[in-house]
C-alpha atoms as a PDB file:
ATOM      1  CA  GLN A   1      -6.236 -15.851  -8.111  1.00  0.00           C
ATOM      2  CA  VAL A   2      -6.650 -12.360  -6.521  1.00  0.00           C
ATOM      3  CA  GLN A   3      -7.931  -9.144  -7.981  1.00  0.00           C
ATOM      4  CA  LEU A   4      -6.902  -5.846  -6.307  1.00  0.00           C
ATOM      5  CA  VAL A   5      -8.183  -2.588  -6.947  1.00  0.00           C
ATOM      6  CA  GLU A   6      -6.824   0.528  -5.675  1.00  0.00           C
ATOM      7  CA  SER A   7      -8.568   3.779  -4.913  1.00  0.00           C
ATOM      8  CA  GLY A   8      -8.345   7.114  -3.080  1.00  0.00           C
ATOM      9  CA  GLY A   9      -5.475   8.825  -4.923  1.00  0.00           C
ATOM     10  CA  GLY A  10      -5.388  12.293  -6.151  1.00  0.00           C
ATOM     11  CA  LEU A  11      -3.738  15.721  -5.955  1.00  0.00           C
ATOM     12  CA  VAL A  12      -2.887  17.440  -2.482  1.00  0.00           C
ATOM     13  CA  GLN A  13      -1.185  20.109  -1.216  1.00  0.00           C
ATOM     14  CA  ALA A  14       2.338  19.532   0.980  1.00  0.00           C
ATOM     15  CA  GLY A  15       1.187  18.702   4.597  1.00  0.00           C
ATOM     16  CA  GLY A  16      -2.248  17.340   3.625  1.00  0.00           C
ATOM     17  CA  SER A  17      -3.694  13.768   3.832  1.00  0.00           C
ATOM     18  CA  LEU A  18      -4.903  10.959   1.706  1.00  0.00           C
ATOM     19  CA  ARG A  19      -6.581   7.677   2.529  1.00  0.00           C
ATOM     20  CA  LEU A  20      -5.664   4.935  -0.069  1.00  0.00           C
ATOM     21  CA  SER A  21      -8.095   1.812  -0.188  1.00  0.00           C
ATOM     22  CA  CYS A  22      -7.128  -1.492  -1.934  1.00  0.00           C
ATOM     23  CA  ALA A  23     -10.221  -3.985  -2.452  1.00  0.00           C
ATOM     24  CA  ALA A  24      -9.460  -7.651  -2.771  1.00  0.00           C
ATOM     25  CA  SER A  25     -11.410 -10.396  -4.151  1.00  0.00           C
ATOM     26  CA  GLY A  26     -10.932 -13.824  -5.521  1.00  0.00           C
ATOM     27  CA  ARG A  27      -9.160 -15.621  -2.556  1.00  0.00           C
ATOM     28  CA  THR A  28      -9.482 -15.589   1.233  1.00  0.00           C
ATOM     29  CA  PHE A  29      -8.355 -12.136   2.114  1.00  0.00           C
ATOM     30  CA  SER A  30      -7.429 -12.901   5.489  1.00  0.00           C
ATOM     31  CA  SER A  31      -4.746 -15.314   4.733  1.00  0.00           C
ATOM     32  CA  LEU A  32      -2.805 -12.886   2.437  1.00  0.00           C
ATOM     33  CA  THR A  33      -0.062 -10.637   3.508  1.00  0.00           C
ATOM     34  CA  MET A  34      -0.526  -7.447   2.032  1.00  0.00           C
ATOM     35  CA  GLY A  35       1.861  -4.345   1.044  1.00  0.00           C
ATOM     36  CA  TRP A  36       1.937  -1.029  -0.585  1.00  0.00           C
ATOM     37  CA  PHE A  37       4.737  -0.015  -2.967  1.00  0.00           C
ATOM     38  CA  ARG A  38       5.245   3.119  -4.943  1.00  0.00           C
ATOM     39  CA  GLN A  39       6.816   3.979  -8.260  1.00  0.00           C
ATOM     40  CA  THR A  40       7.922   7.232 -10.088  1.00  0.00           C
ATOM     41  CA  PRO A  41       8.943   7.395 -13.839  1.00  0.00           C
ATOM     42  CA  GLY A  42      12.561   5.903 -14.462  1.00  0.00           C
ATOM     43  CA  LYS A  43      12.858   4.321 -10.813  1.00  0.00           C
ATOM     44  CA  GLU A  44      12.291   0.935  -9.619  1.00  0.00           C
ATOM     45  CA  ARG A  45       9.112  -0.014  -7.382  1.00  0.00           C
ATOM     46  CA  GLU A  46       9.676   1.220  -3.817  1.00  0.00           C
ATOM     47  CA  PHE A  47       8.408  -0.521  -0.718  1.00  0.00           C
ATOM     48  CA  VAL A  48       6.009   1.613   1.289  1.00  0.00           C
ATOM     49  CA  ALA A  49       4.495  -0.490   4.083  1.00  0.00           C
ATOM     50  CA  THR A  50       3.356  -4.058   4.781  1.00  0.00           C
ATOM     51  CA  ILE A  51       0.714  -5.739   6.942  1.00  0.00           C
ATOM     52  CA  TRP A  52       0.453  -9.430   8.190  1.00  0.00           C
ATOM     53  CA  TRP A  53      -2.700 -11.328   7.659  1.00  0.00           C
ATOM     54  CA  SER A  54      -3.847 -10.733  11.132  1.00  0.00           C
ATOM     55  CA  GLY A  55      -2.992  -7.120  11.055  1.00  0.00           C
ATOM     56  CA  SER A  56      -0.665  -7.677  14.273  1.00  0.00           C
ATOM     57  CA  THR A  57       2.393  -6.985  12.559  1.00  0.00           C
ATOM     58  CA  THR A  58       3.273  -4.292  10.210  1.00  0.00           C
ATOM     59  CA  SER A  59       6.609  -2.723   8.823  1.00  0.00           C
ATOM     60  CA  TYR A  60       7.192   0.626   7.069  1.00  0.00           C
ATOM     61  CA  ALA A  61      10.074   2.096   4.918  1.00  0.00           C
ATOM     62  CA  ASP A  62      12.042   4.528   6.860  1.00  0.00           C
ATOM     63  CA  SER A  63      10.823   7.556   4.656  1.00  0.00           C
ATOM     64  CA  VAL A  64       7.161   7.328   5.615  1.00  0.00           C
ATOM     65  CA  ARG A  65       7.408   5.709   9.187  1.00  0.00           C
ATOM     66  CA  GLY A  66       5.444   8.147  11.641  1.00  0.00           C
ATOM     67  CA  ARG A  67       3.564   9.557   8.696  1.00  0.00           C
ATOM     68  CA  PHE A  68       1.775   6.756   7.112  1.00  0.00           C
ATOM     69  CA  THR A  69      -0.454   4.187   8.629  1.00  0.00           C
ATOM     70  CA  ILE A  70      -1.222   0.875   6.877  1.00  0.00           C
ATOM     71  CA  SER A  71      -4.358  -1.129   8.150  1.00  0.00           C
ATOM     72  CA  ARG A  72      -6.798  -3.784   6.933  1.00  0.00           C
ATOM     73  CA  ASP A  73     -10.355  -4.803   7.728  1.00  0.00           C
ATOM     74  CA  ASN A  74     -10.769  -8.590   6.909  1.00  0.00           C
ATOM     75  CA  ALA A  75     -14.315  -8.416   7.015  1.00  0.00           C
ATOM     76  CA  LYS A  76     -14.356  -6.088   4.240  1.00  0.00           C
ATOM     77  CA  ASN A  77     -11.609  -7.716   2.292  1.00  0.00           C
ATOM     78  CA  THR A  78      -9.795  -4.094   2.208  1.00  0.00           C
ATOM     79  CA  MET A  79      -6.508  -2.827   3.024  1.00  0.00           C
ATOM     80  CA  TYR A  80      -5.846   0.941   3.714  1.00  0.00           C
ATOM     81  CA  LEU A  81      -2.797   3.387   3.667  1.00  0.00           C
ATOM     82  CA  GLN A  82      -3.650   6.503   5.583  1.00  0.00           C
ATOM     83  CA  MET A  83      -1.055   9.041   4.490  1.00  0.00           C
ATOM     84  CA  ASN A  84      -0.529  12.263   6.719  1.00  0.00           C
ATOM     85  CA  GLY A  85       2.021  14.983   6.335  1.00  0.00           C
ATOM     86  CA  LEU A  86       2.467  14.246   2.848  1.00  0.00           C
ATOM     87  CA  LYS A  87       5.535  15.757   0.921  1.00  0.00           C
ATOM     88  CA  PRO A  88       6.227  16.508  -2.702  1.00  0.00           C
ATOM     89  CA  GLU A  89       8.734  13.387  -2.516  1.00  0.00           C
ATOM     90  CA  ASP A  90       5.637  11.326  -1.783  1.00  0.00           C
ATOM     91  CA  THR A  91       4.353  11.767  -5.234  1.00  0.00           C
ATOM     92  CA  ALA A  92       4.143   8.326  -7.280  1.00  0.00           C
ATOM     93  CA  VAL A  93       1.880   5.747  -8.542  1.00  0.00           C
ATOM     94  CA  TYR A  94       0.855   3.568  -5.439  1.00  0.00           C
ATOM     95  CA  PHE A  95       0.169  -0.071  -5.804  1.00  0.00           C
ATOM     96  CA  CYS A  96      -1.221  -2.501  -3.593  1.00  0.00           C
ATOM     97  CA  ALA A  97       0.149  -6.103  -3.383  1.00  0.00           C
ATOM     98  CA  ALA A  98      -0.772  -9.504  -2.081  1.00  0.00           C
ATOM     99  CA  ASP A  99       1.410 -12.364  -1.066  1.00  0.00           C
ATOM    100  CA  LYS A 100      -0.505 -15.807  -0.883  1.00  0.00           C
ATOM    101  CA  ASP A 101       2.380 -17.444   1.278  1.00  0.00           C
ATOM    102  CA  GLY A 102       1.777 -15.018   4.365  1.00  0.00           C
ATOM    103  CA  TYR A 103       5.351 -13.801   4.843  1.00  0.00           C
ATOM    104  CA  LYS A 104       5.624 -11.929   7.925  1.00  0.00           C
ATOM    105  CA  TRP A 105       8.182  -9.325   6.918  1.00  0.00           C
ATOM    106  CA  ALA A 106       7.455  -8.936   3.113  1.00  0.00           C
ATOM    107  CA  THR A 107       9.310  -5.802   2.185  1.00  0.00           C
ATOM    108  CA  GLN A 108      10.750  -7.144  -1.239  1.00  0.00           C
ATOM    109  CA  SER A 109       8.312  -6.709  -4.265  1.00  0.00           C
ATOM    110  CA  SER A 110       9.438 -10.087  -5.445  1.00  0.00           C
ATOM    111  CA  VAL A 111       7.692 -11.719  -2.516  1.00  0.00           C
ATOM    112  CA  TYR A 112       4.335 -10.472  -3.724  1.00  0.00           C
ATOM    113  CA  ASP A 113       2.155 -12.613  -6.033  1.00  0.00           C
ATOM    114  CA  TYR A 114      -0.560 -10.137  -7.236  1.00  0.00           C
ATOM    115  CA  TRP A 115      -0.585  -6.461  -7.847  1.00  0.00           C
ATOM    116  CA  GLY A 116      -3.266  -3.813  -8.440  1.00  0.00           C
ATOM    117  CA  GLN A 117      -3.442  -1.290 -11.302  1.00  0.00           C
ATOM    118  CA  GLY A 118      -1.798   1.676  -9.294  1.00  0.00           C
ATOM    119  CA  THR A 119      -3.369   4.896  -8.168  1.00  0.00           C
ATOM    120  CA  GLN A 120      -1.513   8.153  -8.719  1.00  0.00           C
ATOM    121  CA  VAL A 121      -0.818  10.472  -5.779  1.00  0.00           C
ATOM    122  CA  THR A 122       0.322  13.796  -6.460  1.00  0.00           C
ATOM    123  CA  VAL A 123       1.600  16.348  -3.775  1.00  0.00           C
ATOM    124  CA  SER A 124       2.172  19.737  -4.708  1.00  0.00           C
ATOM    125  CA  SER A 125       4.574  22.219  -2.866  1.00  0.00           C
END
C-alpha cells in the first residue's frame, strides 16, 4: 500500500509559477513510476506528466511541455511538479499517482494503482 499526499497548490496570476509536491509513504518509493494528472469539473482526469523510478525518463502532455517539469527525490520519497508560465486553462485539481509495476511510459490513468487526494491550482487571468 502507498499513501500519497500532495501540497503546494494555490491561487496564482497568469504567467506565474507554482511547485507541487507529492510525499509518498508505505512502499519503496524508488521502485514506483510516478505521475501527475489533473481534473476539472465535468471532465475526465487528464495526464500531465510522468517520471520513471530512476528519474531518467519523463514524459509530458503536449499542453504543458516546455512549461512544466517533473522531478523526484528518491531519498526524500517525494515527487515534484514545477509549473512555470501558468495559464488560466491550467486551473484544475492536480493529483499525484503511483504505479507499482514501474511502467516506463505511464500516461494512462488506468495504469496507476495509488492516488493522492488532490490539490487545487487556480490561475487567474
